[in-house]
Amino acid sequence: MRRAAESSRTPTLPFSDADAAVIEDPVPVPADSAESTPTQVDAAPAAAETAQVPVEAALPQADAAPAQPDAASAAVDEAQPSDLSALGVDDLGSVEEGAPERVVEWAGPSRPATALSWVETADVAESSRPADLNAITMDGPVTDLLADAKLRPVVLRSRWLVPVGTIATCAIAYSASMLMWPLHEVPPVVQPVEFATVAPEPAAIVWPSVGSAGLSMAGVSSAASATQAVPIASVTKVVSSLMVLDRMPLQLGEQGPEFAFDYGDTLEYWDYRIANQSALDVPVDGVLTEYQLLQGTLMGSANNYIDRLARELWGSDQQFAQAAKTWLAERGLGDITIVTPSGFDEGNVATPEALLRLGERAMQNPVFAEIVGTVSAEIPGAGLVENTNGMLADPGVVGIKTGTLVGWNLLTAKDVTVGETTVHLYASVLNQNDDAERLAVTRSLFDQAEAALATISPAVPAGTIVGEISTPWGTSVDIVSDEDATVVLWNGTAASAAVEFDLSNQREEGEDIGTVTVTGPVDQASVDASLAEEIAGPSPWWRLTHPLELLGLSSK
């Protein structure tokens, strides 16, 4: 028991003598031990003697027999909590309060090096002392042996530093690569958007109060005040002259075959005049070419000239009428009926709209157009022949033919310029009261058409959405037309539009990426298409979360 008490007050040092701290003062025995426990008075001095043995003296023994614990250590291991009470040590704190302060000094020439200099030997002794588990409480302070030690965080230890550093390096490299990676593999997608062109309103034309009329823009549209076929008189010569040119074609500057005339033809000329038909004299014992005969037919409205050509080609009026029916049907002019070459018959009838289409076809023949646009010409036997079409005095009027039988008729062609496009206007006026009236009605129709052409609305206004750009990261940008796209339209006719895109590196608002082409019946217009706003790039989050798309490895 005495030895156990001594051993319990002697701290066991778990280090070798080479690293031992020098402790100069022994641990004293509490003064009240002898009084409180008389039966152990003799043991106390012995314990004191044991406790006063310097630590340096005990260390050689530890070196001499490292495998055998010393007697003090054995006594500590065998001691029971009740032995401490027997020795009169009720409070370990009293031992520490009475003990002199330990001196820990730096190693020097006269003092060996001291390891674990931050360790308090009293704390070690306290931690090594067996304790009564029933008496232990957590009221007192708990001392951490390594509280003053300079320890590294777990992640900075060698076994964690390498993997953590590798992961961090990879993360930085990945992030930098994805954030800087070009967008070649995820280009924006351009798609056209359906849009409708703007069509003009139906024409509100003021028609003549007498007879009937029609108005058209070649290739665009036409309108007429009536659908009833009426006598057209000498306007018939347009059909018969075209039939002659089909049988005996001419090029500009050519005269064509010659036709001989004698005195009998002069007498026939007078018969025409007596019958109140328009006619021109012929050169006796002379000739007239095909071109000259057509001039007299279309400019001077000479019935005897066109009858001579028809007899030469078809033999009789009946055969001519049959040929005319076939010719008109093949050209979609079924609303025109021709029974004589000259038109001096009320059976030669047509609708205003049919005459408009006839005029368009006739003016496509350059020889015909040249003749009807001529104001006057010298013809052998007839002299100076004036064109009967008074509309040739108006600017832009280029033809075509007059006709008078039941009423006063006129088919006229006029060219007007709209922008850089020449528009061919046609007016058919039938059954007017006199020449002045048919001229006035014709001019009124042309004025209305030109006014409509001056106020054409754009078929595709500026700012029309013609396409859309979408990106894999969810951005959507409209493509709009930069300017108004205007073509010649009239009377409800619509245009068509086509869009072509060429997107490469354009990303800024207003940059052109395509062309809008609007095609009308007679002309075409093209305007640029551009971005309505900037195409924003992907966010950093999208880049970091879509590596396959950026690298072009996605199957989508």
Protein backbone atom coordinates (compact mmCIF):
# COMPACT_ATOMS: atom_id res chain seq x y z
CA MET A 1 0.00 0.00 0.00
CA ARG A 2 2.83 2.37 0.90
CA ARG A 3 4.65 1.59 -2.27
CA ALA A 4 1.52 2.05 -4.31
CA ALA A 5 1.06 5.51 -2.84
CA GLU A 6 4.62 6.44 -3.61
CA SER A 7 4.31 5.19 -7.13
CA SER A 8 1.09 7.08 -7.68
CA ARG A 9 2.81 10.36 -6.88
CA THR A 10 5.78 9.64 -9.10
CA PRO A 11 5.02 10.48 -12.76
CA THR A 12 5.95 7.89 -15.27
CA LEU A 13 7.78 9.48 -18.21
CA PRO A 14 7.09 7.84 -21.53
CA PHE A 15 10.32 9.04 -23.15
CA SER A 16 13.97 8.10 -23.03
CA ASP A 17 16.68 9.71 -20.99
CA ALA A 18 18.08 11.43 -24.07
CA ASP A 19 14.98 13.56 -24.42
CA ALA A 20 14.09 13.83 -20.70
CA ALA A 21 13.25 17.17 -19.19
CA VAL A 22 15.21 18.17 -16.09
CA ILE A 23 12.84 18.39 -13.11
CA GLU A 24 14.74 19.71 -10.03
CA ASP A 25 12.02 19.55 -7.36
CA PRO A 26 10.45 16.26 -6.27
CA VAL A 27 6.72 15.90 -5.69
CA PRO A 28 6.07 16.47 -1.93
CA VAL A 29 3.77 14.37 0.13
CA PRO A 30 0.78 16.20 1.55
CA ALA A 31 1.32 17.25 5.18
CA ASP A 32 -1.95 15.92 6.43
CA SER A 33 -1.27 12.39 5.28
CA ALA A 34 0.50 11.34 8.49
CA GLU A 35 -2.17 12.76 10.71
CA SER A 36 -5.12 11.31 8.86
CA THR A 37 -3.61 7.85 8.45
CA PRO A 38 -1.50 6.88 11.49
CA THR A 39 -1.06 3.33 10.44
CA GLN A 40 0.92 4.46 7.38
CA VAL A 41 3.28 6.98 9.05
CA ASP A 42 6.25 4.77 8.46
CA ALA A 43 5.35 4.36 4.83
CA ALA A 44 5.10 8.05 4.14
CA PRO A 45 8.79 8.83 4.60
CA ALA A 46 9.64 5.93 2.42
CA ALA A 47 7.30 7.21 -0.19
CA ALA A 48 8.81 10.64 0.14
CA GLU A 49 12.24 9.22 -0.26
CA THR A 50 11.12 7.41 -3.31
CA ALA A 51 9.48 10.51 -4.70
CA GLN A 52 12.61 12.63 -4.02
CA VAL A 53 14.79 10.46 -6.16
CA PRO A 54 15.70 12.58 -9.15
CA VAL A 55 14.31 11.49 -12.49
CA GLU A 56 17.85 11.41 -13.87
CA ALA A 57 18.69 8.61 -11.42
CA ALA A 58 15.80 6.48 -12.56
CA LEU A 59 16.47 6.85 -16.28
CA PRO A 60 19.62 4.64 -16.45
CA GLN A 61 17.59 1.82 -15.02
CA ALA A 62 15.03 2.21 -17.76
CA ASP A 63 17.84 1.99 -20.32
CA ALA A 64 19.38 -0.98 -18.63
CA ALA A 65 16.21 -3.01 -18.65
CA PRO A 66 13.83 -1.56 -21.25
CA ALA A 67 11.67 -4.68 -21.26
CA GLN A 68 11.06 -4.58 -17.45
CA PRO A 69 8.97 -1.78 -15.95
CA ASP A 70 10.33 -0.21 -12.77
CA ALA A 71 8.78 -0.77 -9.38
CA ALA A 72 7.00 2.55 -9.45
CA SER A 73 5.30 1.78 -12.75
CA ALA A 74 4.26 -1.65 -11.50
CA ALA A 75 2.86 -0.13 -8.36
CA VAL A 76 0.83 2.35 -10.42
CA ASP A 77 -0.57 -0.43 -12.57
CA GLU A 78 -1.52 -2.49 -9.51
CA ALA A 79 -2.84 0.35 -7.41
CA GLN A 80 -6.57 0.61 -6.77
CA PRO A 81 -8.47 3.82 -6.23
CA SER A 82 -9.02 2.87 -2.58
CA ASP A 83 -5.21 2.92 -1.95
CA LEU A 84 -5.08 6.68 -2.57
CA SER A 85 -7.61 7.25 0.16
CA ALA A 86 -5.61 5.07 2.51
CA LEU A 87 -2.59 7.30 1.95
CA GLY A 88 -4.62 10.33 2.88
CA VAL A 89 -4.60 11.79 -0.64
CA ASP A 90 -8.15 12.87 -1.13
CA ASP A 91 -7.53 15.69 -3.55
CA LEU A 92 -4.94 15.51 -6.27
CA GLY A 93 -5.19 19.23 -6.72
CA SER A 94 -3.70 19.77 -3.29
CA VAL A 95 -0.57 17.96 -4.40
CA GLU A 96 -0.21 20.19 -7.41
CA GLU A 97 -0.89 23.39 -5.43
CA GLY A 98 1.86 22.66 -2.97
CA ALA A 99 4.40 21.59 -5.57
CA PRO A 100 7.08 24.06 -6.61
CA GLU A 101 6.83 25.44 -10.13
CA ARG A 102 8.66 23.32 -12.62
CA VAL A 103 11.36 25.00 -14.61
CA VAL A 104 11.69 24.16 -18.30
CA GLU A 105 14.72 25.67 -19.94
CA TRP A 106 16.10 25.71 -23.46
CA ALA A 107 18.85 23.24 -24.16
CA GLY A 108 22.40 24.56 -23.91
CA PRO A 109 26.02 23.46 -23.53
CA SER A 110 25.45 22.36 -19.92
CA ARG A 111 21.92 20.97 -20.41
CA PRO A 112 20.87 18.27 -22.87
CA ALA A 113 18.14 18.91 -25.47
CA THR A 114 14.59 18.64 -24.27
CA ALA A 115 11.88 17.22 -26.59
CA LEU A 116 8.16 17.87 -26.23
CA SER A 117 8.91 21.06 -24.37
CA TRP A 118 5.27 22.11 -24.42
CA VAL A 119 4.18 19.04 -22.41
CA GLU A 120 3.45 19.68 -18.72
CA THR A 121 4.69 16.72 -16.62
CA ALA A 122 1.93 17.32 -14.10
CA ASP A 123 -0.62 16.93 -16.85
CA VAL A 124 1.04 13.70 -17.91
CA ALA A 125 1.00 12.44 -14.32
CA GLU A 126 -2.62 13.40 -13.94
CA SER A 127 -3.55 11.62 -17.14
CA SER A 128 -1.59 8.51 -16.16
CA ARG A 129 -3.09 8.22 -12.67
CA PRO A 130 -5.82 5.58 -12.23
CA ALA A 131 -9.03 7.28 -11.31
CA ASP A 132 -12.21 6.39 -9.62
CA LEU A 133 -14.66 6.16 -12.46
CA ASN A 134 -17.50 6.81 -10.04
CA ALA A 135 -15.90 10.04 -8.86
CA ILE A 136 -14.92 11.49 -12.25
CA THR A 137 -16.91 14.51 -13.28
CA MET A 138 -16.66 16.87 -16.25
CA ASP A 139 -16.80 19.94 -14.04
CA GLY A 140 -13.10 20.66 -14.17
CA PRO A 141 -11.20 21.95 -17.19
CA VAL A 142 -10.09 19.39 -19.76
CA THR A 143 -6.56 19.91 -20.94
CA ASP A 144 -5.62 19.07 -24.52
CA LEU A 145 -2.06 17.82 -24.65
CA LEU A 146 -1.64 19.15 -28.20
CA ALA A 147 -3.39 22.47 -27.61
CA ASP A 148 -0.24 24.48 -28.28
CA ALA A 149 1.05 22.30 -31.07
CA LYS A 150 1.30 23.76 -34.59
CA LEU A 151 -0.71 21.14 -36.52
CA ARG A 152 -1.44 21.12 -40.28
CA PRO A 153 -5.02 20.76 -41.60
CA VAL A 154 -5.96 17.32 -42.80
CA VAL A 155 -6.11 18.39 -46.44
CA LEU A 156 -2.52 19.64 -46.26
CA ARG A 157 -1.16 16.32 -45.20
CA SER A 158 0.80 14.53 -47.89
CA ARG A 159 -1.69 11.74 -48.43
CA TRP A 160 -4.50 14.27 -49.17
CA LEU A 161 -2.50 17.02 -50.88
CA VAL A 162 -1.78 15.13 -54.11
CA PRO A 163 -5.32 13.95 -54.93
CA VAL A 164 -6.89 17.23 -53.87
CA GLY A 165 -4.36 19.16 -55.92
CA THR A 166 -4.93 16.91 -58.92
CA ILE A 167 -8.68 17.36 -58.73
CA ALA A 168 -8.34 21.13 -58.37
CA THR A 169 -5.96 21.32 -61.33
CA CYS A 170 -8.29 19.27 -63.51
CA ALA A 171 -11.26 21.40 -62.49
CA ILE A 172 -9.43 24.61 -63.32
CA ALA A 173 -8.21 23.24 -66.65
CA TYR A 174 -11.69 21.98 -67.56
CA SER A 175 -13.36 25.23 -66.61
CA ALA A 176 -10.85 27.33 -68.52
CA SER A 177 -11.15 25.12 -71.60
CA MET A 178 -14.94 25.11 -71.66
CA LEU A 179 -15.21 28.83 -70.97
CA MET A 180 -12.80 29.65 -73.79
CA TRP A 181 -13.81 26.93 -76.24
CA PRO A 182 -14.97 28.27 -79.63
CA LEU A 183 -18.58 27.77 -80.69
CA HIS A 184 -17.84 26.18 -84.07
CA GLU A 185 -19.65 22.97 -83.14
CA VAL A 186 -22.78 24.74 -81.84
CA PRO A 187 -23.55 27.35 -84.51
CA PRO A 188 -26.87 29.20 -84.50
CA VAL A 189 -29.59 27.67 -86.65
CA VAL A 190 -31.39 29.87 -89.19
CA GLN A 191 -34.95 29.09 -90.11
CA PRO A 192 -37.28 31.02 -92.44
CA VAL A 193 -40.54 32.28 -91.06
CA GLU A 194 -43.72 32.21 -93.08
CA PHE A 195 -45.00 35.66 -93.88
CA ALA A 196 -47.51 37.08 -96.32
CA THR A 197 -46.83 39.82 -98.83
CA VAL A 198 -49.10 42.84 -98.82
CA ALA A 199 -51.51 42.91 -101.77
CA PRO A 200 -53.21 46.10 -102.94
CA GLU A 201 -56.92 46.60 -102.67
CA PRO A 202 -59.10 45.89 -105.71
CA ALA A 203 -59.09 48.84 -108.07
CA ALA A 204 -62.02 51.23 -107.77
CA ILE A 205 -62.21 52.41 -111.37
CA VAL A 206 -64.58 55.08 -112.63
CA TRP A 207 -66.05 53.63 -115.82
CA PRO A 208 -67.68 55.56 -118.68
CA SER A 209 -71.42 56.12 -118.47
CA VAL A 210 -71.80 55.16 -122.14
CA GLY A 211 -70.67 51.94 -123.74
CA SER A 212 -68.14 49.71 -122.05
CA ALA A 213 -64.45 49.76 -121.27
CA GLY A 214 -61.57 47.79 -119.88
CA LEU A 215 -58.22 48.59 -118.26
CA SER A 216 -55.18 46.40 -117.69
CA MET A 217 -51.55 46.37 -116.69
CA ALA A 218 -49.80 43.85 -118.87
CA GLY A 219 -48.98 40.77 -116.86
CA VAL A 220 -50.44 42.24 -113.67
CA SER A 221 -54.20 42.41 -113.74
CA SER A 222 -57.15 43.65 -115.72
CA ALA A 223 -60.63 44.96 -115.06
CA ALA A 224 -63.65 45.64 -117.24
CA SER A 225 -66.97 47.37 -116.87
CA ALA A 226 -68.90 44.71 -118.83
CA THR A 227 -68.59 41.18 -120.09
CA GLN A 228 -70.83 41.50 -123.13
CA ALA A 229 -69.25 41.19 -126.59
CA VAL A 230 -70.01 44.16 -128.85
CA PRO A 231 -69.04 45.11 -132.45
CA ILE A 232 -65.41 46.20 -132.67
CA ALA A 233 -65.32 47.40 -136.31
CA SER A 234 -61.77 48.09 -137.56
CA VAL A 235 -60.20 46.88 -134.32
CA THR A 236 -60.65 43.56 -136.16
CA LYS A 237 -57.61 44.53 -138.26
CA VAL A 238 -55.41 43.76 -135.23
CA VAL A 239 -56.39 40.09 -135.51
CA SER A 240 -56.12 39.89 -139.30
CA SER A 241 -52.72 41.67 -139.36
CA LEU A 242 -51.30 39.28 -136.77
CA MET A 243 -52.57 36.35 -138.80
CA VAL A 244 -50.79 37.74 -141.89
CA LEU A 245 -47.55 38.15 -139.93
CA ASP A 246 -47.84 34.56 -138.72
CA ARG A 247 -48.13 33.36 -142.34
CA MET A 248 -45.53 35.81 -143.70
CA PRO A 249 -43.24 36.74 -140.78
CA LEU A 250 -41.19 39.93 -140.96
CA GLN A 251 -38.19 41.20 -139.05
CA LEU A 252 -37.65 44.84 -138.28
CA GLY A 253 -36.37 46.58 -141.39
CA GLU A 254 -37.77 43.97 -143.76
CA GLN A 255 -40.43 44.82 -146.37
CA GLY A 256 -41.52 41.31 -147.22
CA PRO A 257 -43.03 40.13 -150.52
CA GLU A 258 -44.39 42.57 -153.13
CA PHE A 259 -47.93 42.72 -154.45
CA ALA A 260 -48.70 44.22 -157.89
CA PHE A 261 -51.58 46.59 -158.55
CA ASP A 262 -53.26 47.82 -161.74
CA TYR A 263 -56.04 50.12 -162.79
CA GLY A 264 -58.70 47.62 -161.70
CA ASP A 265 -57.42 47.88 -158.15
CA THR A 266 -57.87 51.63 -158.32
CA LEU A 267 -61.48 51.17 -159.37
CA GLU A 268 -61.95 48.79 -156.45
CA TYR A 269 -60.60 51.46 -154.15
CA TRP A 270 -63.44 53.75 -155.24
CA ASP A 271 -65.98 51.04 -154.63
CA TYR A 272 -64.83 50.90 -151.02
CA ARG A 273 -65.22 54.61 -150.69
CA ILE A 274 -68.71 54.56 -152.18
CA ALA A 275 -69.66 51.85 -149.64
CA ASN A 276 -68.53 54.22 -146.87
CA GLN A 277 -65.58 52.05 -145.98
CA SER A 278 -62.17 53.38 -145.11
CA ALA A 279 -59.70 52.73 -147.95
CA LEU A 280 -56.44 53.96 -149.51
CA ASP A 281 -55.55 54.31 -153.17
CA VAL A 282 -52.97 52.01 -154.77
CA PRO A 283 -50.17 52.59 -157.26
CA VAL A 284 -51.43 51.74 -160.73
CA ASP A 285 -49.05 49.30 -162.39
CA GLY A 286 -46.99 49.50 -159.27
CA VAL A 287 -46.30 47.34 -156.25
CA LEU A 288 -46.77 47.52 -152.51
CA THR A 289 -44.78 45.40 -150.08
CA GLU A 290 -46.25 43.40 -147.24
CA TYR A 291 -44.92 45.98 -144.81
CA GLN A 292 -46.54 48.86 -146.76
CA LEU A 293 -49.85 47.06 -146.95
CA LEU A 294 -49.75 46.51 -143.18
CA GLN A 295 -48.94 50.19 -142.69
CA GLY A 296 -52.00 51.20 -144.71
CA THR A 297 -54.12 48.64 -142.82
CA LEU A 298 -53.11 49.60 -139.27
CA MET A 299 -52.41 53.32 -139.66
CA GLY A 300 -54.94 54.37 -142.31
CA SER A 301 -57.40 51.55 -141.52
CA ALA A 302 -57.57 50.70 -145.25
CA ASN A 303 -60.11 47.90 -145.74
CA ASN A 304 -58.95 47.31 -149.34
CA TYR A 305 -55.35 46.69 -148.19
CA ILE A 306 -56.18 43.97 -145.60
CA ASP A 307 -58.74 42.37 -147.94
CA ARG A 308 -56.02 42.03 -150.59
CA LEU A 309 -53.66 40.29 -148.15
CA ALA A 310 -56.44 37.97 -146.90
CA ARG A 311 -57.38 36.94 -150.46
CA GLU A 312 -53.75 36.21 -151.25
CA LEU A 313 -53.41 33.96 -148.17
CA TRP A 314 -56.87 32.44 -147.55
CA GLY A 315 -58.80 32.95 -150.78
CA SER A 316 -62.15 34.05 -149.37
CA ASP A 317 -63.78 35.64 -146.33
CA GLN A 318 -65.29 32.29 -145.33
CA GLN A 319 -61.94 30.55 -145.29
CA PHE A 320 -60.42 33.49 -143.49
CA ALA A 321 -63.18 33.41 -140.85
CA GLN A 322 -62.52 29.72 -140.22
CA ALA A 323 -58.79 30.32 -139.94
CA ALA A 324 -59.44 33.24 -137.56
CA LYS A 325 -61.57 31.08 -135.29
CA THR A 326 -58.76 28.54 -135.00
CA TRP A 327 -56.13 31.19 -134.48
CA LEU A 328 -58.08 32.89 -131.69
CA ALA A 329 -58.90 29.63 -129.92
CA GLU A 330 -55.25 28.56 -129.92
CA ARG A 331 -54.32 31.80 -128.18
CA GLY A 332 -57.04 31.82 -125.57
CA LEU A 333 -59.01 34.61 -127.20
CA GLY A 334 -62.32 32.81 -127.49
CA ASP A 335 -64.29 35.92 -126.51
CA ILE A 336 -63.45 37.44 -129.89
CA THR A 337 -65.38 36.50 -133.04
CA ILE A 338 -64.07 37.44 -136.51
CA VAL A 339 -66.08 36.96 -139.72
CA THR A 340 -64.34 39.41 -142.09
CA PRO A 341 -60.72 40.62 -142.28
CA SER A 342 -61.58 44.34 -142.22
CA GLY A 343 -64.23 44.41 -139.49
CA PHE A 344 -66.85 45.99 -141.73
CA ASP A 345 -69.41 43.63 -140.31
CA GLU A 346 -71.32 43.74 -137.04
CA GLY A 347 -70.50 40.05 -136.61
CA ASN A 348 -66.97 41.00 -135.58
CA VAL A 349 -67.46 41.28 -131.83
CA ALA A 350 -65.38 41.11 -128.63
CA THR A 351 -65.53 41.85 -124.93
CA PRO A 352 -63.50 44.73 -123.45
CA GLU A 353 -61.34 42.32 -121.45
CA ALA A 354 -60.63 40.11 -124.50
CA LEU A 355 -59.42 43.13 -126.45
CA LEU A 356 -57.00 43.95 -123.62
CA ARG A 357 -55.41 40.52 -123.93
CA LEU A 358 -55.36 40.86 -127.73
CA GLY A 359 -53.55 44.17 -127.43
CA GLU A 360 -50.91 42.68 -125.09
CA ARG A 361 -50.22 39.87 -127.57
CA ALA A 362 -50.12 42.18 -130.58
CA MET A 363 -47.59 44.58 -129.03
CA GLN A 364 -45.19 41.70 -128.43
CA ASN A 365 -44.58 41.54 -132.18
CA PRO A 366 -41.93 44.18 -132.91
CA VAL A 367 -43.01 44.78 -136.51
CA PHE A 368 -46.63 45.23 -135.50
CA ALA A 369 -45.64 47.52 -132.59
CA GLU A 370 -43.46 49.62 -134.87
CA ILE A 371 -46.27 50.18 -137.37
CA VAL A 372 -49.02 51.07 -134.87
CA GLY A 373 -46.68 53.47 -133.10
CA THR A 374 -45.96 55.43 -136.26
CA VAL A 375 -47.78 58.73 -136.55
CA SER A 376 -47.55 59.05 -140.34
CA ALA A 377 -45.89 57.40 -143.34
CA GLU A 378 -45.56 57.80 -147.13
CA ILE A 379 -47.12 54.92 -149.04
CA PRO A 380 -46.89 54.66 -152.87
CA GLY A 381 -50.24 55.41 -154.48
CA ALA A 382 -51.75 56.68 -151.24
CA GLY A 383 -49.33 59.45 -150.38
CA LEU A 384 -48.95 60.60 -146.76
CA VAL A 385 -50.98 58.42 -144.47
CA GLU A 386 -51.86 59.72 -140.99
CA ASN A 387 -52.46 57.37 -138.09
CA THR A 388 -56.12 57.44 -137.07
CA ASN A 389 -55.25 56.91 -133.38
CA GLY A 390 -55.40 60.38 -131.81
CA MET A 391 -53.95 59.03 -128.53
CA LEU A 392 -50.49 58.95 -130.13
CA ALA A 393 -50.26 62.65 -129.30
CA ASP A 394 -50.08 61.79 -125.59
CA PRO A 395 -46.70 61.02 -123.99
CA GLY A 396 -46.11 57.33 -123.52
CA VAL A 397 -48.84 56.13 -125.90
CA VAL A 398 -47.48 53.53 -128.33
CA GLY A 399 -50.57 52.25 -130.25
CA ILE A 400 -52.83 50.44 -131.19
CA LYS A 401 -56.02 50.70 -133.31
CA THR A 402 -59.25 52.57 -133.82
CA GLY A 403 -62.56 51.21 -135.10
CA THR A 404 -65.86 52.80 -136.01
CA LEU A 405 -69.05 51.14 -137.19
CA VAL A 406 -71.94 51.10 -134.70
CA GLY A 407 -70.03 53.21 -132.19
CA TRP A 408 -66.60 54.68 -131.72
CA ASN A 409 -64.04 52.17 -130.46
CA LEU A 410 -60.42 52.44 -129.45
CA LEU A 411 -57.77 50.00 -128.22
CA THR A 412 -54.76 51.88 -126.85
CA ALA A 413 -51.38 50.97 -125.35
CA LYS A 414 -49.35 53.24 -123.11
CA ASP A 415 -45.99 52.77 -121.40
CA VAL A 416 -45.35 54.32 -117.99
CA THR A 417 -42.25 54.08 -115.83
CA VAL A 418 -42.49 53.02 -112.19
CA GLY A 419 -39.11 53.21 -110.54
CA GLU A 420 -36.89 51.32 -112.96
CA THR A 421 -39.73 49.27 -114.43
CA THR A 422 -41.71 50.02 -117.55
CA VAL A 423 -45.36 49.13 -117.13
CA HIS A 424 -47.53 48.56 -120.18
CA LEU A 425 -51.07 49.86 -119.77
CA TYR A 426 -53.93 48.93 -122.07
CA ALA A 427 -57.36 50.51 -122.38
CA SER A 428 -60.27 49.29 -124.49
CA VAL A 429 -63.15 51.70 -125.03
CA LEU A 430 -66.22 50.54 -126.97
CA ASN A 431 -69.38 52.15 -128.31
CA GLN A 432 -68.61 55.75 -127.44
CA ASN A 433 -70.53 58.59 -129.07
CA ASP A 434 -67.66 60.18 -130.99
CA ASP A 435 -63.90 60.35 -131.33
CA ALA A 436 -63.48 63.01 -128.64
CA GLU A 437 -65.42 60.94 -126.15
CA ARG A 438 -63.43 57.78 -126.75
CA LEU A 439 -60.20 59.76 -126.35
CA ALA A 440 -61.41 61.34 -123.10
CA VAL A 441 -62.49 58.02 -121.62
CA THR A 442 -59.17 56.44 -122.58
CA ARG A 443 -57.19 59.23 -120.92
CA SER A 444 -59.31 58.96 -117.77
CA LEU A 445 -58.60 55.25 -117.49
CA PHE A 446 -54.87 55.78 -117.91
CA ASP A 447 -54.86 58.55 -115.31
CA GLN A 448 -56.49 56.27 -112.76
CA ALA A 449 -53.97 53.54 -113.43
CA GLU A 450 -51.01 55.88 -113.12
CA ALA A 451 -52.35 57.28 -109.85
CA ALA A 452 -52.54 53.76 -108.45
CA LEU A 453 -48.98 53.07 -109.56
CA ALA A 454 -47.76 56.19 -107.79
CA THR A 455 -49.09 54.98 -104.44
CA ILE A 456 -48.08 51.33 -104.45
CA SER A 457 -47.66 49.98 -100.93
CA PRO A 458 -44.61 47.83 -100.18
CA ALA A 459 -45.21 44.16 -100.72
CA VAL A 460 -42.84 43.50 -97.80
CA PRO A 461 -42.54 46.49 -95.44
CA ALA A 462 -39.33 47.23 -93.61
CA GLY A 463 -39.13 45.38 -90.32
CA THR A 464 -41.08 42.36 -91.51
CA ILE A 465 -39.95 39.22 -89.66
CA VAL A 466 -38.68 36.89 -92.38
CA GLY A 467 -36.65 34.44 -90.32
CA GLU A 468 -35.49 33.37 -86.91
CA ILE A 469 -32.16 32.37 -85.41
CA SER A 470 -32.09 29.91 -82.53
CA THR A 471 -29.10 28.67 -80.56
CA PRO A 472 -28.50 25.45 -78.62
CA TRP A 473 -28.33 27.47 -75.41
CA GLY A 474 -31.85 28.84 -75.87
CA THR A 475 -31.34 32.26 -77.45
CA SER A 476 -33.80 33.30 -80.17
CA VAL A 477 -33.36 36.33 -82.45
CA ASP A 478 -35.63 37.57 -85.26
CA ILE A 479 -34.42 38.33 -88.77
CA VAL A 480 -36.13 41.34 -90.31
CA SER A 481 -36.16 43.10 -93.66
CA ASP A 482 -34.07 46.27 -93.68
CA GLU A 483 -36.10 48.27 -96.20
CA ASP A 484 -39.43 48.31 -97.99
CA ALA A 485 -39.58 45.83 -100.86
CA THR A 486 -41.91 47.28 -103.48
CA VAL A 487 -42.98 45.78 -106.79
CA VAL A 488 -45.64 46.75 -109.29
CA LEU A 489 -48.98 45.48 -108.05
CA TRP A 490 -52.48 46.54 -108.86
CA ASN A 491 -56.07 45.51 -108.42
CA GLY A 492 -55.49 42.91 -105.71
CA THR A 493 -52.59 41.12 -107.35
CA ALA A 494 -50.12 39.68 -104.85
CA ALA A 495 -46.39 39.12 -105.08
CA SER A 496 -44.30 36.19 -103.97
CA ALA A 497 -41.29 36.38 -101.67
CA ALA A 498 -38.22 34.23 -101.17
CA VAL A 499 -35.57 34.52 -98.47
CA GLU A 500 -31.93 33.44 -98.60
CA PHE A 501 -29.69 33.42 -95.54
CA ASP A 502 -25.91 33.45 -95.24
CA LEU A 503 -24.96 33.33 -91.56
CA SER A 504 -21.28 33.05 -90.78
CA ASN A 505 -19.79 35.26 -88.06
CA GLN A 506 -22.55 37.86 -87.87
CA ARG A 507 -23.74 38.29 -84.31
CA GLU A 508 -24.36 42.01 -83.79
CA GLU A 509 -27.67 43.80 -84.15
CA GLY A 510 -28.22 45.19 -87.64
CA GLU A 511 -25.70 42.95 -89.38
CA ASP A 512 -26.98 41.64 -92.71
CA ILE A 513 -27.34 37.88 -92.93
CA GLY A 514 -29.59 37.40 -95.91
CA THR A 515 -31.70 38.75 -98.74
CA VAL A 516 -35.44 39.05 -99.22
CA THR A 517 -36.44 38.84 -102.88
CA VAL A 518 -39.96 39.89 -103.82
CA THR A 519 -41.19 38.92 -107.26
CA GLY A 520 -44.16 40.63 -108.84
CA PRO A 521 -45.81 40.00 -112.19
CA VAL A 522 -43.53 42.42 -114.04
CA ASP A 523 -40.61 43.23 -111.77
CA GLN A 524 -38.57 42.14 -108.80
CA ALA A 525 -37.13 43.80 -105.72
CA SER A 526 -34.45 42.65 -103.28
CA VAL A 527 -33.65 44.03 -99.85
CA ASP A 528 -31.26 42.96 -97.13
CA ALA A 529 -32.35 41.04 -94.06
CA SER A 530 -30.55 41.65 -90.78
CA LEU A 531 -30.51 40.70 -87.12
CA ALA A 532 -33.14 42.45 -85.04
CA GLU A 533 -30.87 42.23 -82.00
CA GLU A 534 -27.55 40.81 -80.89
CA ILE A 535 -27.13 37.05 -80.66
CA ALA A 536 -26.07 36.55 -77.03
CA GLY A 537 -23.48 33.87 -76.37
CA PRO A 538 -23.94 30.98 -73.96
CA SER A 539 -23.67 31.55 -70.23
CA PRO A 540 -20.69 30.16 -68.31
CA TRP A 541 -22.99 27.62 -66.66
CA TRP A 542 -24.18 26.35 -70.04
CA ARG A 543 -20.60 26.01 -71.24
CA LEU A 544 -19.55 24.09 -68.14
CA THR A 545 -22.54 21.75 -68.31
CA HIS A 546 -22.51 21.04 -72.08
CA PRO A 547 -18.99 19.85 -72.91
CA LEU A 548 -20.15 17.29 -75.46
CA GLU A 549 -21.98 19.92 -77.48
CA LEU A 550 -19.00 22.28 -77.40
CA LEU A 551 -16.63 19.53 -78.49
CA GLY A 552 -18.95 18.29 -81.21
CA LEU A 553 -19.41 14.89 -79.57
CA SER A 554 -23.13 15.12 -78.99
CA SER A 555 -25.33 12.89 -81.13
CA LYS A 556 -28.05 15.55 -81.35
